[in-house]
Protein backbone atom coordinates (compact mmCIF):
# COMPACT_ATOMS: atom_id res chain seq x y z
CA MET A 1 0.07 0.04 0.01
CA LYS A 2 1.28 3.40 -0.91
CA ILE A 3 -0.15 6.48 0.13
CA ARG A 4 0.32 10.33 -1.54
CA TYR A 5 -0.92 13.76 -0.50
CA ILE A 6 -0.62 16.32 -3.35
CA SER A 7 -1.10 19.62 -2.35
CA HIS A 8 -0.03 23.42 -3.31
CA GLY A 9 -0.04 26.70 -1.76
CA LEU A 10 2.10 29.48 -0.37
CA PHE A 11 0.75 29.06 3.37
CA LYS A 12 -0.41 26.39 5.40
CA THR A 13 -3.70 27.40 5.88
CA GLY A 14 -6.69 25.92 7.48
CA GLY A 15 -7.55 23.95 4.62
CA TYR A 16 -3.95 22.35 4.63
CA ARG A 17 -4.06 21.70 8.22
CA HIS A 18 -7.46 19.78 7.49
CA GLU A 19 -6.05 17.73 4.63
CA MET A 20 -3.03 16.79 6.76
CA VAL A 21 -5.06 15.35 9.61
CA LEU A 22 -7.06 13.35 7.06
CA TYR A 23 -3.48 12.04 5.55
CA ASN A 24 -2.51 11.20 8.85
CA ALA A 25 -5.35 9.37 9.87
CA LEU A 26 -5.51 7.52 6.58
CA ILE A 27 -1.91 6.33 7.12
CA GLU A 28 -2.86 5.31 10.88
CA TYR A 29 -5.87 3.16 9.57
CA PHE A 30 -3.68 1.21 6.88
CA LYS A 31 -0.55 1.34 9.05
CA PRO A 32 -0.06 -2.56 8.63
CA GLN A 33 -0.07 -2.62 4.86
CA ILE A 34 1.92 0.81 4.25
CA ILE A 35 4.95 0.28 2.41
CA SER A 36 5.41 4.05 1.73
CA HIS A 37 3.80 7.37 2.25
CA LYS A 38 4.74 10.75 1.11
CA VAL A 39 3.58 14.41 1.18
CA TYR A 40 4.16 16.33 -2.17
CA ARG A 41 3.62 19.86 -1.82
CA ILE A 42 4.62 23.10 -4.08
CA GLU A 43 4.64 26.02 -1.67
CA LYS A 44 3.73 28.28 -4.68
CA GLU A 45 0.69 30.08 -6.16
CA PHE A 46 -0.37 29.37 -9.59
CA LYS A 47 -2.21 32.38 -11.51
CA SER A 48 -1.09 32.48 -14.73
CA LEU A 49 -2.37 30.02 -17.51
CA LEU A 50 1.19 28.31 -17.95
CA GLY A 51 1.43 28.07 -13.98
CA TYR A 52 -1.96 26.31 -14.00
CA LEU A 53 -0.70 23.80 -16.76
CA TYR A 54 2.30 23.09 -14.71
CA LEU A 55 0.20 22.23 -11.97
CA LEU A 56 -1.95 19.82 -13.84
CA ILE A 57 1.24 18.03 -15.16
CA TRP A 58 2.93 17.97 -12.03
CA SER A 59 -0.11 16.42 -10.32
CA PHE A 60 -0.51 13.70 -13.01
CA PHE A 61 3.21 12.17 -12.47
CA LYS A 62 2.98 12.53 -8.63
CA SER A 63 -0.52 10.85 -8.25
CA ASN A 64 0.71 7.51 -8.65
CA ALA A 65 -0.12 5.86 -5.32
CA ASN A 66 -2.65 3.14 -4.11
CA ILE A 67 -4.60 6.19 -2.66
CA ASN A 68 -3.98 9.58 -3.70
CA VAL A 69 -5.52 12.48 -1.62
CA VAL A 70 -5.45 15.68 -3.68
CA VAL A 71 -6.75 19.00 -3.42
CA ALA A 72 -9.38 20.27 -5.93
CA ARG A 73 -7.12 21.75 -8.41
CA SER A 74 -5.02 18.71 -8.63
CA ALA A 75 -8.33 16.38 -9.00
CA PHE A 76 -8.52 16.26 -12.64
CA SER A 77 -4.74 15.16 -13.29
CA ALA A 78 -5.16 12.45 -10.73
CA ILE A 79 -8.48 11.10 -12.21
CA MET A 80 -6.94 10.84 -15.65
CA ARG A 81 -3.59 9.18 -14.36
CA ASN A 82 -5.69 6.45 -12.57
CA TRP A 83 -8.97 6.02 -14.84
CA PHE A 84 -7.73 2.75 -16.22
CA ASN A 85 -6.39 1.16 -13.07
CA GLN A 86 -7.50 0.07 -9.68
CA LYS A 87 -5.96 2.93 -7.69
CA GLU A 88 -8.21 5.49 -5.56
CA VAL A 89 -8.18 9.34 -5.89
CA TRP A 90 -9.47 11.07 -2.53
CA ILE A 91 -10.51 14.48 -3.70
CA VAL A 92 -10.66 17.04 -1.01
CA LEU A 93 -13.47 19.80 -1.54
CA HIS A 94 -13.68 22.43 1.10
CA ASN A 95 -16.18 24.75 -0.71
CA TYR A 96 -17.08 25.83 -3.95
CA ASP A 97 -18.63 29.37 -4.88
CA GLU A 98 -19.37 30.73 -8.23
CA ASN A 99 -19.00 34.44 -6.89
CA ASP A 100 -15.50 34.31 -5.54
CA ASN A 101 -13.61 35.60 -8.52
CA LYS A 102 -11.99 32.61 -9.91
CA SER A 103 -10.46 33.08 -13.26
CA GLY A 104 -11.78 31.87 -16.59
CA PHE A 105 -9.73 29.04 -16.90
CA TYR A 106 -10.68 27.59 -13.21
CA ASN A 107 -14.28 28.38 -14.04
CA PHE A 108 -14.05 26.07 -17.01
CA TYR A 109 -11.90 23.45 -15.04
CA PHE A 110 -14.46 23.03 -12.26
CA GLN A 111 -17.29 22.27 -14.62
CA VAL A 112 -15.30 19.67 -16.32
CA LEU A 113 -14.51 18.32 -13.19
CA TRP A 114 -18.36 18.39 -11.99
CA ARG A 115 -19.15 16.55 -15.42
CA ILE A 116 -16.83 13.89 -14.82
CA LEU A 117 -17.34 13.31 -11.13
CA SER A 118 -21.18 13.30 -11.72
CA LYS A 119 -20.62 10.49 -14.24
CA ILE A 120 -18.44 8.15 -12.38
CA LYS A 121 -20.13 5.18 -11.04
CA HIS A 122 -17.60 3.17 -9.02
CA ASN A 123 -16.32 4.17 -5.50
CA ARG A 124 -12.34 4.47 -6.49
CA PHE A 125 -12.79 8.46 -6.97
CA LYS A 126 -14.08 9.52 -3.84
CA VAL A 127 -15.25 13.25 -2.79
CA ILE A 128 -14.73 14.26 0.78
CA ALA A 129 -16.15 17.26 2.22
CA VAL A 130 -15.53 19.40 5.19
CA SER A 131 -19.47 20.06 6.62
CA PRO A 132 -22.82 18.51 6.12
CA TYR A 133 -23.71 21.53 4.26
CA TRP A 134 -21.30 20.90 1.39
CA VAL A 135 -21.74 17.01 1.60
CA LYS A 136 -25.27 17.84 0.55
CA PHE A 137 -24.37 20.60 -1.82
CA PHE A 138 -21.92 18.18 -3.84
CA LYS A 139 -24.51 15.50 -3.78
CA ASN A 140 -27.60 17.25 -4.72
CA GLU A 141 -26.34 20.32 -6.72
CA LYS A 142 -23.45 18.47 -8.51
CA GLY A 143 -24.97 15.03 -8.60
CA ILE A 144 -21.86 13.66 -7.30
CA LYS A 145 -21.72 10.15 -5.42
CA PRO A 146 -20.12 9.07 -3.10
CA VAL A 147 -19.47 12.14 -0.90
CA TYR A 148 -17.87 11.54 2.46
CA LEU A 149 -17.63 13.81 5.52
CA PHE A 150 -14.25 14.36 7.13
CA PRO A 151 -14.59 17.43 9.30
CA ASN A 152 -12.12 19.63 10.93
CA LEU A 153 -10.63 18.03 13.90
CA PHE A 154 -8.60 19.38 16.73
CA ASP A 155 -6.64 18.28 19.61
CA THR A 156 -8.98 20.09 21.97
CA THR A 157 -6.40 19.46 25.31
CA PHE A 158 -3.95 21.38 23.51
CA TYR A 159 -6.39 24.28 23.01
CA ASN A 160 -7.40 24.30 26.65
CA ASP A 161 -4.38 25.40 27.87
CA PHE A 162 -4.83 29.07 26.46
CA ARG A 163 -8.17 29.53 28.05
CA VAL A 164 -7.94 32.88 30.24
CA LYS A 165 -10.53 34.24 32.70
CA GLN A 166 -9.66 37.87 32.12
CA LYS A 167 -10.75 39.39 28.56
CA ASN A 168 -9.24 42.48 27.03
CA LYS A 169 -11.31 44.95 25.03
CA TRP A 170 -9.90 43.50 21.84
CA VAL A 171 -11.71 42.14 18.84
CA HIS A 172 -10.45 39.82 16.32
CA LEU A 173 -11.57 40.65 13.06
CA GLY A 174 -10.65 37.26 11.80
CA GLN A 175 -8.10 36.23 9.05
CA PHE A 176 -7.40 39.15 6.49
CA SER A 177 -8.67 38.20 3.38
CA SER A 178 -10.54 39.44 0.27
CA LYS A 179 -13.39 36.85 1.33
CA ASN A 180 -14.33 39.17 4.23
CA ASP A 181 -17.11 41.33 3.96
CA PRO A 182 -15.85 44.75 2.90
CA GLN A 183 -18.25 46.39 5.62
CA ILE A 184 -15.85 44.82 8.23
CA PHE A 185 -13.55 47.67 8.06
CA ALA A 186 -16.54 50.18 8.77
CA LEU A 187 -17.35 48.03 11.75
CA ALA A 188 -13.60 48.18 12.84
CA ARG A 189 -13.75 51.92 12.69
CA GLN A 190 -16.92 51.98 14.88
CA LEU A 191 -15.58 49.91 17.45
CA THR A 192 -12.24 51.88 17.69
CA GLN A 193 -14.17 54.91 18.30
CA ILE A 194 -15.58 53.32 21.34
CA GLY A 195 -12.27 52.25 22.82
CA TYR A 196 -11.87 48.65 21.23
CA TYR A 197 -8.50 47.37 19.78
CA CYS A 198 -9.34 45.53 16.51
CA TYR A 199 -6.78 43.38 14.67
CA PHE A 200 -6.75 40.96 12.01
CA SER A 201 -4.37 37.85 11.91
CA THR A 202 -2.73 36.68 8.67
CA LEU A 203 -0.25 33.81 7.43
CA ASP A 204 1.37 36.51 5.12
CA GLN A 205 3.90 38.58 6.47
CA LYS A 206 3.55 41.45 3.38
CA GLN A 207 0.00 41.96 4.61
CA ALA A 208 1.31 42.79 8.24
CA GLN A 209 0.69 46.57 8.45
CA SER A 210 -0.87 49.21 10.43
CA HIS A 211 -3.99 50.87 8.99
CA ASN A 212 -4.24 54.68 10.43
CA GLY A 213 -4.63 53.33 13.86
CA GLN A 214 -7.80 51.87 13.23
CA PHE A 215 -6.83 48.22 13.18
CA GLU A 216 -3.80 45.90 12.72
CA ILE A 217 -2.85 43.12 10.83
CA ILE A 218 -0.61 40.75 12.58
CA CYS A 219 1.49 37.91 11.30
CA PHE A 220 2.01 35.95 14.20
CA PHE A 221 5.48 34.03 14.05
CA ASN A 222 4.29 30.88 16.00
CA PHE A 223 1.05 29.40 16.57
CA GLU A 224 0.94 29.89 20.27
CA ASP A 225 1.01 33.43 19.98
CA TYR A 226 -1.84 33.58 17.77
CA LEU A 227 -3.88 31.54 20.06
CA ASN A 228 -2.68 33.55 23.47
CA GLN A 229 -3.71 36.95 21.67
CA MET A 230 -7.01 35.44 20.44
CA ALA A 231 -7.83 33.93 23.68
CA MET A 232 -7.44 37.12 25.49
CA SER A 233 -9.82 38.81 22.82
CA SER A 234 -13.50 39.56 23.76
CA CYS A 235 -14.83 37.73 20.60
CA THR A 236 -13.73 36.80 17.14
CA LEU A 237 -15.65 37.86 13.81
CA ALA A 238 -16.39 35.35 10.98
CA LEU A 239 -18.09 37.79 8.59
CA SER A 240 -17.30 36.17 5.29
CA SER A 241 -18.76 37.31 1.88
CA VAL A 242 -18.32 33.93 0.36
CA LYS A 243 -19.40 30.32 0.93
CA GLU A 244 -16.86 28.99 3.27
CA GLY A 245 -16.06 25.36 3.77
CA TRP A 246 -16.10 25.67 7.64
CA ASN A 247 -13.80 28.58 9.11
CA ARG A 248 -11.11 26.75 11.07
CA VAL A 249 -10.14 30.17 12.56
CA ALA A 250 -13.50 30.58 13.98
CA HIS A 251 -13.58 27.02 15.60
CA GLU A 252 -10.04 27.51 17.06
CA SER A 253 -11.42 30.85 18.76
CA MET A 254 -14.18 28.75 20.43
CA LEU A 255 -11.61 26.08 21.65
CA VAL A 256 -9.56 28.69 23.43
CA GLY A 257 -12.46 30.11 25.23
CA THR A 258 -13.37 33.52 22.99
CA PRO A 259 -16.75 33.44 21.50
CA VAL A 260 -17.57 33.85 17.71
CA ILE A 261 -20.28 36.17 15.95
CA GLY A 262 -20.65 35.09 12.12
CA TYR A 263 -22.76 34.91 9.22
CA LYS A 264 -24.71 31.83 9.10
CA LYS A 265 -24.27 30.43 5.55
CA ALA A 266 -22.77 27.25 4.01
CA GLY A 267 -20.19 25.34 5.95
CA LEU A 268 -19.84 28.45 8.42
CA GLY A 269 -23.54 28.26 8.89
CA ASP A 270 -23.14 24.67 10.16
CA LEU A 271 -20.16 25.69 12.63
CA ILE A 272 -22.57 28.82 13.91
CA ARG A 273 -25.53 26.74 14.20
CA GLU A 274 -23.82 23.77 15.75
CA SER A 275 -21.74 25.86 18.36
CA GLN A 276 -25.00 27.96 19.08
CA SER A 277 -22.62 30.77 18.47
CA VAL A 278 -24.26 34.23 17.63
CA ASP A 279 -25.43 34.56 13.94
CA VAL A 280 -25.89 37.92 12.73
CA LYS A 281 -26.94 39.35 9.25
CA ASN A 282 -24.90 42.70 8.91
CA ILE A 283 -22.31 44.73 10.85
CA ASP A 284 -24.93 46.64 12.47
CA GLU A 285 -26.03 43.59 14.27
CA ALA A 286 -22.60 42.44 15.01
CA PHE A 287 -21.84 45.97 16.58
CA THR A 288 -24.85 45.78 18.86
CA CYS A 289 -23.81 42.21 19.90
CA ILE A 290 -20.27 43.27 20.82
CA LEU A 291 -21.20 46.51 22.37
CA ASN A 292 -23.84 44.38 24.86
CA SER A 293 -21.55 41.28 24.89
CA LEU A 294 -24.27 39.23 23.44
CA TRP A 295 -22.61 36.03 22.90
CA VAL A 296 -22.12 32.46 24.08
CA LEU A 297 -19.60 29.56 24.23
CA PRO A 298 -20.15 26.13 22.89
CA SER A 299 -20.95 23.28 24.97
CA ASP A 300 -18.46 20.42 25.83
CA ASP A 301 -20.49 18.16 23.75
CA PHE A 302 -19.75 20.24 20.55
CA VAL A 303 -16.16 20.55 21.60
CA LEU A 304 -15.70 16.88 21.98
CA LYS A 305 -17.51 16.07 18.62
CA TYR A 306 -14.72 17.58 16.84
CA ASP A 307 -11.86 16.20 18.90
CA LEU A 308 -9.03 14.55 17.06
CA SER A 309 -10.08 11.13 18.65
CA LYS A 310 -13.00 11.03 16.55
CA ALA A 311 -10.75 10.76 13.02
CA PRO A 312 -10.69 6.68 12.78
CA ASN A 313 -14.72 6.87 12.70
CA TYR A 314 -14.72 9.19 9.83
CA ILE A 315 -11.52 7.24 8.01
CA LYS A 316 -13.55 3.98 8.55
CA ASP A 317 -16.62 5.25 6.70
CA ILE A 318 -14.63 6.49 3.68
CA CYS A 319 -12.57 3.21 3.53
CA SER A 320 -15.75 1.06 3.76
CA ASN A 321 -15.17 -0.63 0.38
CA HIS A 322 -11.65 -2.22 1.56
């Protein structure tokens, strides 16, 4: 048994962390049978047509294991490589939003991918989604079967160590991204005027800068610093303008004892609903919630539901044909 994880990207995002948990759980499940396992990852963004083609060719040659765990943009290549053999391709799809400004090439790419996946009648090419919303979406809207759930899972005992009793008058605006509702900047200005310190977190050092004293964009050099600051904040915002897969930052905020205020849509909606976090429809409602401390933390049942110890249960379901 050979297992490969094929990925790309400049930063180790929440999606990457989720995929690594899946990959490691897969290795553990097949441990007695594995003769090799390897991560292939290009730490680069591909924006030009030539770059896209390079990624497709590179993915084609790397996806030669018995089980190939691949990201969406490597899926087509991995499927073509393994169409006529008995090897498996596990395609991790975090979300899909037609209005998130994808290039013309990738819009076409995904239309082709949906067509292929909806026509496949066997269980070697599996789609794995991160939340119940996206399982239903890929099944019902794109006609793909099977679609399996493998959620974001966390070492919850690790996060417990960061919880604090005393909160500061800080608001974590979430991860700095074009995915945020543009109105979040107006909200930050309102909060700053009444004495709140507002900040974004980021993985990109180039983004880390001050913005007229209204808010900061902070690139934390280690994970513990990021968790410490979020734990000392009053709340974290998850005001996304796109249909998210889950929002790992928001989930981590809950785990360190900092409540979340967010938009209840797509996978983020699943997270907001299950954790009984505050659902708002606009920045005015978010401002009112912060001003009046209208928030709650999730129950222990919710926390344990997404503990790392649950990984074998989900992997067992995905591997049901073995």
